Amino acid sequence: MEVLTLRDAKIGESYRVKRISGQGAVKRRIMDMGLTKNAGFTVVKVAPLGDPVQIHLRGYQLSLRKQDAEMVQIEPIDASEIEDN
C-alpha cells in the first residue's frame, strides 16, 4: 500500500495522521502544532505550487510548509470521524 503524506492530500478531503517521520526539534515542532498520531483534519487550501498547505485541525486553521507536510504520513477518513471540526 502506498504511503500518503500531507503533501499528497486533496482539498476538501479528511485524513488522520498515521505517523510523523521527522526527528528531534522538527518532529517536536510539528507535534506542538497539534499534528499528533490519530489527529483528524480536513484540507482547506493548497497554494498553487503546493506550499503552504492549510488544514482545519482541532478547531483552528494551520498552514504547513511543503517540507514539513512531506513528513506527515496520513490515511483518508470520513469527515464525520473528526472531533472539533
PDB file of N, CA and C in Angstrom:
ATOM      1  N   MET A   1       0.829  -1.183   0.000  1.00  0.00           N
ATOM      2  CA  MET A   1       0.000   0.000   0.000  1.00  0.00           C
ATOM      3  C   MET A   1       0.878   1.253   0.000  1.00  0.00           C
ATOM      4  N   GLU A   2       0.556   2.180  -0.853  1.00  0.00           N
ATOM      5  CA  GLU A   2       1.331   3.412  -0.989  1.00  0.00           C
ATOM      6  C   GLU A   2       1.163   4.297   0.243  1.00  0.00           C
ATOM      7  N   VAL A   3       2.262   4.901   0.670  1.00  0.00           N
ATOM      8  CA  VAL A   3       2.226   5.806   1.813  1.00  0.00           C
ATOM      9  C   VAL A   3       1.835   7.196   1.330  1.00  0.00           C
ATOM     10  N   LEU A   4       0.768   7.736   1.917  1.00  0.00           N
ATOM     11  CA  LEU A   4       0.340   9.100   1.602  1.00  0.00           C
ATOM     12  C   LEU A   4       0.951  10.052   2.614  1.00  0.00           C
ATOM     13  N   THR A   5       1.333  11.244   2.150  1.00  0.00           N
ATOM     14  CA  THR A   5       1.771  12.282   3.073  1.00  0.00           C
ATOM     15  C   THR A   5       0.828  13.472   2.942  1.00  0.00           C
ATOM     16  N   LEU A   6       0.917  14.381   3.872  1.00  0.00           N
ATOM     17  CA  LEU A   6       0.083  15.570   3.836  1.00  0.00           C
ATOM     18  C   LEU A   6       0.304  16.341   2.539  1.00  0.00           C
ATOM     19  N   ARG A   7       1.447  16.212   1.960  1.00  0.00           N
ATOM     20  CA  ARG A   7       1.761  16.857   0.673  1.00  0.00           C
ATOM     21  C   ARG A   7       0.843  16.330  -0.436  1.00  0.00           C
ATOM     22  N   ASP A   8       0.382  15.082  -0.322  1.00  0.00           N
ATOM     23  CA  ASP A   8      -0.473  14.448  -1.332  1.00  0.00           C
ATOM     24  C   ASP A   8      -1.962  14.706  -1.101  1.00  0.00           C
ATOM     25  N   ALA A   9      -2.309  15.312   0.024  1.00  0.00           N
ATOM     26  CA  ALA A   9      -3.712  15.487   0.412  1.00  0.00           C
ATOM     27  C   ALA A   9      -4.460  16.394  -0.562  1.00  0.00           C
ATOM     28  N   LYS A  10      -5.749  16.117  -0.720  1.00  0.00           N
ATOM     29  CA  LYS A  10      -6.615  16.858  -1.648  1.00  0.00           C
ATOM     30  C   LYS A  10      -7.521  17.820  -0.884  1.00  0.00           C
ATOM     31  N   ILE A  11      -7.765  18.977  -1.470  1.00  0.00           N
ATOM     32  CA  ILE A  11      -8.626  19.996  -0.876  1.00  0.00           C
ATOM     33  C   ILE A  11     -10.021  19.422  -0.629  1.00  0.00           C
ATOM     34  N   GLY A  12     -10.547  19.686   0.572  1.00  0.00           N
ATOM     35  CA  GLY A  12     -11.884  19.236   0.935  1.00  0.00           C
ATOM     36  C   GLY A  12     -11.949  17.829   1.496  1.00  0.00           C
ATOM     37  N   GLU A  13     -10.864  17.087   1.427  1.00  0.00           N
ATOM     38  CA  GLU A  13     -10.831  15.712   1.936  1.00  0.00           C
ATOM     39  C   GLU A  13     -10.356  15.689   3.388  1.00  0.00           C
ATOM     40  N   SER A  14     -10.742  14.647   4.108  1.00  0.00           N
ATOM     41  CA  SER A  14     -10.367  14.494   5.514  1.00  0.00           C
ATOM     42  C   SER A  14      -9.400  13.325   5.673  1.00  0.00           C
ATOM     43  N   TYR A  15      -8.504  13.474   6.644  1.00  0.00           N
ATOM     44  CA  TYR A  15      -7.442  12.492   6.860  1.00  0.00           C
ATOM     45  C   TYR A  15      -7.152  12.344   8.346  1.00  0.00           C
ATOM     46  N   ARG A  16      -6.414  11.284   8.676  1.00  0.00           N
ATOM     47  CA  ARG A  16      -5.921  11.054  10.028  1.00  0.00           C
ATOM     48  C   ARG A  16      -4.402  10.903   9.945  1.00  0.00           C
ATOM     49  N   VAL A  17      -3.704  11.463  10.929  1.00  0.00           N
ATOM     50  CA  VAL A  17      -2.249  11.333  10.997  1.00  0.00           C
ATOM     51  C   VAL A  17      -1.906   9.912  11.421  1.00  0.00           C
ATOM     52  N   LYS A  18      -1.076   9.251  10.626  1.00  0.00           N
ATOM     53  CA  LYS A  18      -0.613   7.901  10.959  1.00  0.00           C
ATOM     54  C   LYS A  18       0.741   7.953  11.658  1.00  0.00           C
ATOM     55  N   ARG A  19       1.608   8.855  11.172  1.00  0.00           N
ATOM     56  CA  ARG A  19       2.985   8.882  11.671  1.00  0.00           C
ATOM     57  C   ARG A  19       3.636  10.194  11.272  1.00  0.00           C
ATOM     58  N   ILE A  20       4.566  10.666  12.084  1.00  0.00           N
ATOM     59  CA  ILE A  20       5.389  11.826  11.741  1.00  0.00           C
ATOM     60  C   ILE A  20       6.804  11.288  11.563  1.00  0.00           C
ATOM     61  N   SER A  21       7.379  11.468  10.391  1.00  0.00           N
ATOM     62  CA  SER A  21       8.659  10.820  10.094  1.00  0.00           C
ATOM     63  C   SER A  21       9.885  11.655  10.443  1.00  0.00           C
ATOM     64  N   GLY A  22       9.722  12.898  10.840  1.00  0.00           N
ATOM     65  CA  GLY A  22      10.873  13.730  11.204  1.00  0.00           C
ATOM     66  C   GLY A  22      11.485  13.288  12.521  1.00  0.00           C
ATOM     67  N   GLN A  23      12.579  13.953  12.906  1.00  0.00           N
ATOM     68  CA  GLN A  23      13.240  13.642  14.170  1.00  0.00           C
ATOM     69  C   GLN A  23      13.570  14.926  14.911  1.00  0.00           C
ATOM     70  N   GLY A  24      13.794  14.798  16.200  1.00  0.00           N
ATOM     71  CA  GLY A  24      14.268  15.903  17.010  1.00  0.00           C
ATOM     72  C   GLY A  24      13.343  17.103  17.036  1.00  0.00           C
ATOM     73  N   ALA A  25      13.954  18.289  16.916  1.00  0.00           N
ATOM     74  CA  ALA A  25      13.225  19.551  17.038  1.00  0.00           C
ATOM     75  C   ALA A  25      12.157  19.721  15.964  1.00  0.00           C
ATOM     76  N   VAL A  26      12.416  19.242  14.753  1.00  0.00           N
ATOM     77  CA  VAL A  26      11.442  19.385  13.666  1.00  0.00           C
ATOM     78  C   VAL A  26      10.189  18.571  13.978  1.00  0.00           C
ATOM     79  N   LYS A  27      10.360  17.343  14.397  1.00  0.00           N
ATOM     80  CA  LYS A  27       9.223  16.488  14.745  1.00  0.00           C
ATOM     81  C   LYS A  27       8.461  17.090  15.920  1.00  0.00           C
ATOM     82  N   ARG A  28       9.169  17.575  16.932  1.00  0.00           N
ATOM     83  CA  ARG A  28       8.544  18.175  18.107  1.00  0.00           C
ATOM     84  C   ARG A  28       7.723  19.400  17.712  1.00  0.00           C
ATOM     85  N   ARG A  29       8.243  20.240  16.811  1.00  0.00           N
ATOM     86  CA  ARG A  29       7.537  21.447  16.372  1.00  0.00           C
ATOM     87  C   ARG A  29       6.229  21.081  15.680  1.00  0.00           C
ATOM     88  N   ILE A  30       6.264  20.077  14.816  1.00  0.00           N
ATOM     89  CA  ILE A  30       5.048  19.636  14.120  1.00  0.00           C
ATOM     90  C   ILE A  30       4.030  19.107  15.130  1.00  0.00           C
ATOM     91  N   MET A  31       4.487  18.333  16.092  1.00  0.00           N
ATOM     92  CA  MET A  31       3.583  17.791  17.103  1.00  0.00           C
ATOM     93  C   MET A  31       3.035  18.896  18.009  1.00  0.00           C
ATOM     94  N   ASP A  32       3.856  19.884  18.333  1.00  0.00           N
ATOM     95  CA  ASP A  32       3.405  21.009  19.160  1.00  0.00           C
ATOM     96  C   ASP A  32       2.311  21.816  18.467  1.00  0.00           C
ATOM     97  N   MET A  33       2.272  21.783  17.141  1.00  0.00           N
ATOM     98  CA  MET A  33       1.224  22.486  16.396  1.00  0.00           C
ATOM     99  C   MET A  33      -0.098  21.714  16.424  1.00  0.00           C
ATOM    100  N   GLY A  34      -0.088  20.501  16.967  1.00  0.00           N
ATOM    101  CA  GLY A  34      -1.316  19.723  17.084  1.00  0.00           C
ATOM    102  C   GLY A  34      -1.402  18.530  16.156  1.00  0.00           C
ATOM    103  N   LEU A  35      -0.433  18.369  15.281  1.00  0.00           N
ATOM    104  CA  LEU A  35      -0.430  17.214  14.375  1.00  0.00           C
ATOM    105  C   LEU A  35       0.219  16.037  15.094  1.00  0.00           C
ATOM    106  N   THR A  36      -0.606  15.275  15.788  1.00  0.00           N
ATOM    107  CA  THR A  36      -0.138  14.118  16.529  1.00  0.00           C
ATOM    108  C   THR A  36      -0.801  12.863  15.964  1.00  0.00           C
ATOM    109  N   LYS A  37      -0.271  11.713  16.325  1.00  0.00           N
ATOM    110  CA  LYS A  37      -0.816  10.450  15.817  1.00  0.00           C
ATOM    111  C   LYS A  37      -2.318  10.371  16.094  1.00  0.00           C
ATOM    112  N   ASN A  38      -3.065   9.968  15.079  1.00  0.00           N
ATOM    113  CA  ASN A  38      -4.522   9.797  15.104  1.00  0.00           C
ATOM    114  C   ASN A  38      -5.315  11.096  15.079  1.00  0.00           C
ATOM    115  N   ALA A  39      -4.663  12.243  14.989  1.00  0.00           N
ATOM    116  CA  ALA A  39      -5.394  13.515  14.890  1.00  0.00           C
ATOM    117  C   ALA A  39      -6.067  13.593  13.523  1.00  0.00           C
ATOM    118  N   GLY A  40      -7.351  13.944  13.513  1.00  0.00           N
ATOM    119  CA  GLY A  40      -8.090  14.091  12.262  1.00  0.00           C
ATOM    120  C   GLY A  40      -8.100  15.538  11.810  1.00  0.00           C
ATOM    121  N   PHE A  41      -8.115  15.751  10.500  1.00  0.00           N
ATOM    122  CA  PHE A  41      -8.113  17.109   9.950  1.00  0.00           C
ATOM    123  C   PHE A  41      -8.712  17.102   8.555  1.00  0.00           C
ATOM    124  N   THR A  42      -9.057  18.294   8.075  1.00  0.00           N
ATOM    125  CA  THR A  42      -9.572  18.481   6.722  1.00  0.00           C
ATOM    126  C   THR A  42      -8.677  19.477   5.999  1.00  0.00           C
ATOM    127  N   VAL A  43      -8.363  19.197   4.741  1.00  0.00           N
ATOM    128  CA  VAL A  43      -7.541  20.107   3.942  1.00  0.00           C
ATOM    129  C   VAL A  43      -8.426  21.247   3.442  1.00  0.00           C
ATOM    130  N   VAL A  44      -8.016  22.481   3.732  1.00  0.00           N
ATOM    131  CA  VAL A  44      -8.786  23.666   3.373  1.00  0.00           C
ATOM    132  C   VAL A  44      -8.276  24.280   2.075  1.00  0.00           C
ATOM    133  N   LYS A  45      -6.954  24.399   1.962  1.00  0.00           N
ATOM    134  CA  LYS A  45      -6.391  25.082   0.803  1.00  0.00           C
ATOM    135  C   LYS A  45      -4.972  24.588   0.553  1.00  0.00           C
ATOM    136  N   VAL A  46      -4.594  24.538  -0.713  1.00  0.00           N
ATOM    137  CA  VAL A  46      -3.218  24.238  -1.101  1.00  0.00           C
ATOM    138  C   VAL A  46      -2.801  25.335  -2.066  1.00  0.00           C
ATOM    139  N   ALA A  47      -1.705  26.009  -1.764  1.00  0.00           N
ATOM    140  CA  ALA A  47      -1.225  27.083  -2.630  1.00  0.00           C
ATOM    141  C   ALA A  47      -0.881  26.521  -4.009  1.00  0.00           C
ATOM    142  N   PRO A  48      -0.875  27.376  -5.044  1.00  0.00           N
ATOM    143  CA  PRO A  48      -0.649  26.910  -6.420  1.00  0.00           C
ATOM    144  C   PRO A  48       0.577  26.011  -6.615  1.00  0.00           C
ATOM    145  N   LEU A  49       1.660  26.292  -5.922  1.00  0.00           N
ATOM    146  CA  LEU A  49       2.855  25.456  -6.068  1.00  0.00           C
ATOM    147  C   LEU A  49       2.972  24.427  -4.945  1.00  0.00           C
ATOM    148  N   GLY A  50       1.879  24.255  -4.181  1.00  0.00           N
ATOM    149  CA  GLY A  50       1.865  23.252  -3.125  1.00  0.00           C
ATOM    150  C   GLY A  50       2.479  23.694  -1.814  1.00  0.00           C
ATOM    151  N   ASP A  51       2.790  24.979  -1.687  1.00  0.00           N
ATOM    152  CA  ASP A  51       3.461  25.475  -0.490  1.00  0.00           C
ATOM    153  C   ASP A  51       2.899  26.835  -0.119  1.00  0.00           C
ATOM    154  N   PRO A  52       2.171  26.984   0.966  1.00  0.00           N
ATOM    155  CA  PRO A  52       1.893  26.024   2.021  1.00  0.00           C
ATOM    156  C   PRO A  52       0.597  25.257   1.802  1.00  0.00           C
ATOM    157  N   VAL A  53       0.363  24.301   2.715  1.00  0.00           N
ATOM    158  CA  VAL A  53      -0.881  23.539   2.773  1.00  0.00           C
ATOM    159  C   VAL A  53      -1.628  24.029   4.014  1.00  0.00           C
ATOM    160  N   GLN A  54      -2.902  24.379   3.868  1.00  0.00           N
ATOM    161  CA  GLN A  54      -3.698  24.852   5.001  1.00  0.00           C
ATOM    162  C   GLN A  54      -4.717  23.785   5.378  1.00  0.00           C
ATOM    163  N   ILE A  55      -4.755  23.450   6.673  1.00  0.00           N
ATOM    164  CA  ILE A  55      -5.687  22.435   7.160  1.00  0.00           C
ATOM    165  C   ILE A  55      -6.520  22.982   8.319  1.00  0.00           C
ATOM    166  N   HIS A  56      -7.667  22.337   8.549  1.00  0.00           N
ATOM    167  CA  HIS A  56      -8.501  22.639   9.720  1.00  0.00           C
ATOM    168  C   HIS A  56      -8.303  21.488  10.689  1.00  0.00           C
ATOM    169  N   LEU A  57      -7.762  21.809  11.861  1.00  0.00           N
ATOM    170  CA  LEU A  57      -7.342  20.798  12.831  1.00  0.00           C
ATOM    171  C   LEU A  57      -7.727  21.244  14.234  1.00  0.00           C
ATOM    172  N   ARG A  58      -8.422  20.415  14.981  1.00  0.00           N
ATOM    173  CA  ARG A  58      -8.752  20.698  16.384  1.00  0.00           C
ATOM    174  C   ARG A  58      -9.411  22.064  16.588  1.00  0.00           C
ATOM    175  N   GLY A  59     -10.212  22.497  15.617  1.00  0.00           N
ATOM    176  CA  GLY A  59     -10.948  23.750  15.750  1.00  0.00           C
ATOM    177  C   GLY A  59     -10.211  24.993  15.288  1.00  0.00           C
ATOM    178  N   TYR A  60      -9.032  24.850  14.685  1.00  0.00           N
ATOM    179  CA  TYR A  60      -8.301  26.012  14.175  1.00  0.00           C
ATOM    180  C   TYR A  60      -7.670  25.707  12.823  1.00  0.00           C
ATOM    181  N   GLN A  61      -7.227  26.757  12.151  1.00  0.00           N
ATOM    182  CA  GLN A  61      -6.564  26.630  10.849  1.00  0.00           C
ATOM    183  C   GLN A  61      -5.048  26.591  11.065  1.00  0.00           C
ATOM    184  N   LEU A  62      -4.377  25.736  10.326  1.00  0.00           N
ATOM    185  CA  LEU A  62      -2.933  25.589  10.427  1.00  0.00           C
ATOM    186  C   LEU A  62      -2.342  25.516   9.026  1.00  0.00           C
ATOM    187  N   SER A  63      -1.283  26.282   8.784  1.00  0.00           N
ATOM    188  CA  SER A  63      -0.580  26.232   7.497  1.00  0.00           C
ATOM    189  C   SER A  63       0.781  25.590   7.707  1.00  0.00           C
ATOM    190  N   LEU A  64       1.125  24.675   6.808  1.00  0.00           N
ATOM    191  CA  LEU A  64       2.406  23.971   6.885  1.00  0.00           C
ATOM    192  C   LEU A  64       3.185  24.136   5.595  1.00  0.00           C
ATOM    193  N   ARG A  65       4.488  24.293   5.743  1.00  0.00           N
ATOM    194  CA  ARG A  65       5.355  24.339   4.566  1.00  0.00           C
ATOM    195  C   ARG A  65       5.397  22.965   3.912  1.00  0.00           C
ATOM    196  N   LYS A  66       5.717  22.964   2.638  1.00  0.00           N
ATOM    197  CA  LYS A  66       5.773  21.722   1.864  1.00  0.00           C
ATOM    198  C   LYS A  66       6.721  20.705   2.506  1.00  0.00           C
ATOM    199  N   GLN A  67       7.890  21.144   2.935  1.00  0.00           N
ATOM    200  CA  GLN A  67       8.858  20.202   3.501  1.00  0.00           C
ATOM    201  C   GLN A  67       8.361  19.598   4.816  1.00  0.00           C
ATOM    202  N   ASP A  68       7.592  20.347   5.602  1.00  0.00           N
ATOM    203  CA  ASP A  68       7.009  19.790   6.825  1.00  0.00           C
ATOM    204  C   ASP A  68       5.861  18.839   6.483  1.00  0.00           C
ATOM    205  N   ALA A  69       5.045  19.215   5.497  1.00  0.00           N
ATOM    206  CA  ALA A  69       3.907  18.384   5.082  1.00  0.00           C
ATOM    207  C   ALA A  69       4.373  17.011   4.586  1.00  0.00           C
ATOM    208  N   GLU A  70       5.548  16.941   3.998  1.00  0.00           N
ATOM    209  CA  GLU A  70       6.075  15.670   3.491  1.00  0.00           C
ATOM    210  C   GLU A  70       6.442  14.705   4.616  1.00  0.00           C
ATOM    211  N   MET A  71       6.602  15.203   5.837  1.00  0.00           N
ATOM    212  CA  MET A  71       6.963  14.356   6.980  1.00  0.00           C
ATOM    213  C   MET A  71       5.756  13.734   7.667  1.00  0.00           C
ATOM    214  N   VAL A  72       4.548  14.194   7.320  1.00  0.00           N
ATOM    215  CA  VAL A  72       3.331  13.737   7.990  1.00  0.00           C
ATOM    216  C   VAL A  72       2.645  12.670   7.141  1.00  0.00           C
ATOM    217  N   GLN A  73       2.698  11.419   7.591  1.00  0.00           N
ATOM    218  CA  GLN A  73       2.033  10.321   6.892  1.00  0.00           C
ATOM    219  C   GLN A  73       0.573  10.281   7.329  1.00  0.00           C
ATOM    220  N   ILE A  74      -0.328  10.113   6.356  1.00  0.00           N
ATOM    221  CA  ILE A  74      -1.763  10.218   6.613  1.00  0.00           C
ATOM    222  C   ILE A  74      -2.531   9.054   6.002  1.00  0.00           C
ATOM    223  N   GLU A  75      -3.794   8.913   6.433  1.00  0.00           N
ATOM    224  CA  GLU A  75      -4.720   7.975   5.806  1.00  0.00           C
ATOM    225  C   GLU A  75      -6.066   8.674   5.671  1.00  0.00           C
ATOM    226  N   PRO A  76      -6.790   8.420   4.579  1.00  0.00           N
ATOM    227  CA  PRO A  76      -8.096   9.060   4.386  1.00  0.00           C
ATOM    228  C   PRO A  76      -9.114   8.553   5.407  1.00  0.00           C
ATOM    229  N   ILE A  77     -10.001   9.446   5.839  1.00  0.00           N
ATOM    230  CA  ILE A  77     -11.103   9.085   6.729  1.00  0.00           C
ATOM    231  C   ILE A  77     -12.348   9.853   6.305  1.00  0.00           C
ATOM    232  N   ASP A  78     -13.476   9.482   6.865  1.00  0.00           N
ATOM    233  CA  ASP A  78     -14.718  10.216   6.641  1.00  0.00           C
ATOM    234  C   ASP A  78     -14.719  11.438   7.557  1.00  0.00           C
ATOM    235  N   ALA A  79     -15.212  12.565   7.071  1.00  0.00           N
ATOM    236  CA  ALA A  79     -15.230  13.805   7.846  1.00  0.00           C
ATOM    237  C   ALA A  79     -15.969  13.646   9.169  1.00  0.00           C
ATOM    238  N   SER A  80     -16.927  12.739   9.232  1.00  0.00           N
ATOM    239  CA  SER A  80     -17.697  12.536  10.465  1.00  0.00           C
ATOM    240  C   SER A  80     -16.853  11.951  11.601  1.00  0.00           C
ATOM    241  N   GLU A  81     -15.678  11.429  11.275  1.00  0.00           N
ATOM    242  CA  GLU A  81     -14.794  10.852  12.291  1.00  0.00           C
ATOM    243  C   GLU A  81     -13.954  11.898  13.009  1.00  0.00           C
ATOM    244  N   ILE A  82     -14.010  13.146  12.559  1.00  0.00           N
ATOM    245  CA  ILE A  82     -13.174  14.201  13.124  1.00  0.00           C
ATOM    246  C   ILE A  82     -13.917  14.919  14.240  1.00  0.00           C
ATOM    247  N   GLU A  83     -13.266  15.026  15.399  1.00  0.00           N
ATOM    248  CA  GLU A  83     -13.825  15.776  16.515  1.00  0.00           C
ATOM    249  C   GLU A  83     -13.368  17.226  16.420  1.00  0.00           C
ATOM    250  N   ASP A  84     -14.185  18.159  16.912  1.00  0.00           N
ATOM    251  CA  ASP A  84     -13.853  19.593  16.932  1.00  0.00           C
ATOM    252  C   ASP A  84     -13.604  20.168  15.556  1.00  0.00           C
ATOM    253  N   ASN A  85     -14.267  19.673  14.532  1.00  0.00           N
ATOM    254  CA  ASN A  85     -14.034  20.193  13.184  1.00  0.00           C
ATOM    255  C   ASN A  85     -15.061  21.151  12.775  1.00  0.00           C
TER     256      ASN A  85
END
